Amino acid sequence: MTRTSLIHCARVYLAQSRHFTRRHRGFSFTLLGWAGNARRRAMAEKADPVQVDLFGAQA
């Protein structure tokens, strides 16, 4: 998975965890764990360079 898709998954897991807090409290904590894992995997991947050519040597 790409870094952006992992961050998106983490955000979805967090939103669903908030949704499940009243009824399914145990599953809410599972979703929080999944969100943490997705965030850690996203941070382990290198960020894509954005507009690197702007900071390169100009001719």
N, C-alpha and C. Protein backbone atom coordinates (compact mmCIF):
# COMPACT_ATOMS: atom_id res chain seq x y z
N MET A 1 0.84 -1.18 0.00
CA MET A 1 0.00 0.00 0.00
C MET A 1 0.88 1.24 0.00
N THR A 2 0.37 2.28 -0.58
CA THR A 2 1.12 3.52 -0.59
C THR A 2 0.92 4.27 0.72
N ARG A 3 1.77 5.24 0.92
CA ARG A 3 1.72 6.02 2.16
C ARG A 3 0.37 6.74 2.31
N THR A 4 -0.10 7.32 1.22
CA THR A 4 -1.36 8.05 1.31
C THR A 4 -2.54 7.12 1.57
N SER A 5 -2.52 5.93 0.99
CA SER A 5 -3.62 5.00 1.24
C SER A 5 -3.58 4.47 2.68
N LEU A 6 -2.40 4.31 3.25
CA LEU A 6 -2.30 3.89 4.65
C LEU A 6 -2.83 4.96 5.59
N ILE A 7 -2.53 6.22 5.29
CA ILE A 7 -3.04 7.31 6.12
C ILE A 7 -4.56 7.39 5.99
N HIS A 8 -5.07 7.19 4.78
CA HIS A 8 -6.52 7.19 4.58
C HIS A 8 -7.17 6.06 5.39
N CYS A 9 -6.59 4.88 5.34
CA CYS A 9 -7.13 3.75 6.11
C CYS A 9 -7.14 4.07 7.60
N ALA A 10 -6.07 4.68 8.09
CA ALA A 10 -6.01 5.04 9.52
C ALA A 10 -7.13 6.01 9.88
N ARG A 11 -7.39 6.98 9.01
CA ARG A 11 -8.46 7.94 9.28
C ARG A 11 -9.83 7.27 9.28
N VAL A 12 -10.02 6.33 8.37
CA VAL A 12 -11.29 5.59 8.32
C VAL A 12 -11.46 4.75 9.58
N TYR A 13 -10.40 4.07 10.01
CA TYR A 13 -10.46 3.26 11.22
C TYR A 13 -10.80 4.13 12.44
N LEU A 14 -10.20 5.32 12.52
CA LEU A 14 -10.49 6.21 13.64
C LEU A 14 -11.95 6.66 13.63
N ALA A 15 -12.45 7.00 12.46
CA ALA A 15 -13.84 7.44 12.36
C ALA A 15 -14.79 6.31 12.74
N GLN A 16 -14.50 5.10 12.27
CA GLN A 16 -15.35 3.97 12.61
C GLN A 16 -15.25 3.63 14.09
N SER A 17 -14.08 3.82 14.67
CA SER A 17 -13.91 3.57 16.10
C SER A 17 -14.79 4.50 16.92
N ARG A 18 -14.86 5.76 16.51
CA ARG A 18 -15.73 6.71 17.21
C ARG A 18 -17.20 6.31 17.06
N HIS A 19 -17.53 5.74 15.93
CA HIS A 19 -18.91 5.32 15.67
C HIS A 19 -19.30 4.13 16.54
N PHE A 20 -18.36 3.24 16.81
CA PHE A 20 -18.65 2.00 17.55
C PHE A 20 -18.44 2.13 19.05
N THR A 21 -18.16 3.31 19.58
CA THR A 21 -17.81 3.41 21.00
C THR A 21 -18.93 2.99 21.93
N ARG A 22 -20.18 3.20 21.58
CA ARG A 22 -21.26 2.88 22.52
C ARG A 22 -21.64 1.41 22.53
N ARG A 23 -21.86 0.86 21.36
CA ARG A 23 -22.36 -0.52 21.30
C ARG A 23 -21.27 -1.57 21.38
N HIS A 24 -20.30 -1.46 20.52
CA HIS A 24 -19.27 -2.50 20.37
C HIS A 24 -17.93 -1.96 20.85
N ARG A 25 -17.83 -1.75 22.13
CA ARG A 25 -16.64 -1.13 22.69
C ARG A 25 -15.37 -1.94 22.43
N GLY A 26 -15.46 -3.25 22.48
CA GLY A 26 -14.28 -4.08 22.23
C GLY A 26 -13.77 -3.93 20.81
N PHE A 27 -14.68 -3.89 19.85
CA PHE A 27 -14.27 -3.73 18.45
C PHE A 27 -13.74 -2.32 18.22
N SER A 28 -14.21 -1.36 18.98
CA SER A 28 -13.70 0.00 18.88
C SER A 28 -12.20 0.03 19.18
N PHE A 29 -11.79 -0.70 20.21
CA PHE A 29 -10.37 -0.75 20.55
C PHE A 29 -9.57 -1.50 19.50
N THR A 30 -10.18 -2.49 18.87
CA THR A 30 -9.51 -3.19 17.77
C THR A 30 -9.25 -2.23 16.62
N LEU A 31 -10.26 -1.41 16.29
CA LEU A 31 -10.10 -0.43 15.22
C LEU A 31 -9.02 0.59 15.56
N LEU A 32 -8.93 0.99 16.83
CA LEU A 32 -7.87 1.91 17.23
C LEU A 32 -6.49 1.29 17.04
N GLY A 33 -6.37 0.01 17.33
CA GLY A 33 -5.11 -0.69 17.10
C GLY A 33 -4.75 -0.75 15.64
N TRP A 34 -5.74 -1.03 14.80
CA TRP A 34 -5.51 -1.06 13.35
C TRP A 34 -5.09 0.31 12.84
N ALA A 35 -5.71 1.36 13.36
CA ALA A 35 -5.35 2.72 12.95
C ALA A 35 -3.90 3.03 13.33
N GLY A 36 -3.52 2.63 14.52
CA GLY A 36 -2.13 2.84 14.95
C GLY A 36 -1.15 2.09 14.08
N ASN A 37 -1.48 0.86 13.73
CA ASN A 37 -0.60 0.08 12.85
C ASN A 37 -0.49 0.72 11.47
N ALA A 38 -1.60 1.20 10.93
CA ALA A 38 -1.58 1.84 9.62
C ALA A 38 -0.74 3.11 9.66
N ARG A 39 -0.86 3.89 10.73
CA ARG A 39 -0.05 5.11 10.86
C ARG A 39 1.43 4.78 10.96
N ARG A 40 1.77 3.73 11.74
CA ARG A 40 3.18 3.36 11.86
C ARG A 40 3.75 2.89 10.54
N ARG A 41 2.97 2.11 9.79
CA ARG A 41 3.44 1.66 8.47
C ARG A 41 3.58 2.83 7.51
N ALA A 42 2.68 3.80 7.59
CA ALA A 42 2.76 4.97 6.72
C ALA A 42 4.00 5.80 7.04
N MET A 43 4.31 5.95 8.31
CA MET A 43 5.48 6.73 8.69
C MET A 43 6.78 6.00 8.36
N ALA A 44 6.73 4.68 8.26
CA ALA A 44 7.93 3.91 7.92
C ALA A 44 8.27 4.04 6.44
N GLU A 45 7.27 4.34 5.61
CA GLU A 45 7.53 4.51 4.18
C GLU A 45 8.07 5.90 3.92
N LYS A 46 8.87 5.98 2.88
CA LYS A 46 9.42 7.27 2.50
C LYS A 46 8.34 8.15 1.90
N ALA A 47 8.39 9.41 2.22
CA ALA A 47 7.45 10.36 1.63
C ALA A 47 7.89 10.64 0.19
N ASP A 48 6.92 10.79 -0.68
CA ASP A 48 7.22 11.12 -2.07
C ASP A 48 7.74 12.55 -2.14
N PRO A 49 8.84 12.76 -2.87
CA PRO A 49 9.33 14.13 -3.00
C PRO A 49 8.35 14.98 -3.79
N VAL A 50 8.05 16.14 -3.27
CA VAL A 50 7.10 17.03 -3.91
C VAL A 50 7.85 18.23 -4.45
N GLN A 51 7.76 18.44 -5.73
CA GLN A 51 8.37 19.57 -6.42
C GLN A 51 9.85 19.72 -6.09
N VAL A 52 10.58 18.64 -6.23
CA VAL A 52 12.01 18.68 -5.94
C VAL A 52 12.75 19.58 -6.92
N ASP A 53 12.26 19.65 -8.16
CA ASP A 53 12.94 20.44 -9.16
C ASP A 53 12.97 21.94 -8.84
N LEU A 54 12.09 22.42 -7.95
CA LEU A 54 12.10 23.81 -7.57
C LEU A 54 13.34 24.15 -6.74
N PHE A 55 13.87 23.18 -6.01
CA PHE A 55 14.99 23.43 -5.13
C PHE A 55 16.32 22.98 -5.73
N GLY A 56 16.29 22.44 -6.94
CA GLY A 56 17.51 21.98 -7.59
C GLY A 56 18.32 23.15 -8.13
N ALA A 57 19.47 22.84 -8.67
CA ALA A 57 20.34 23.87 -9.26
C ALA A 57 19.67 24.45 -10.49
N GLN A 58 19.65 25.75 -10.55
CA GLN A 58 19.05 26.42 -11.70
C GLN A 58 20.10 26.71 -12.74
N ALA A 59 19.72 26.50 -13.99
CA ALA A 59 20.70 26.70 -15.07
C ALA A 59 20.71 28.13 -15.55
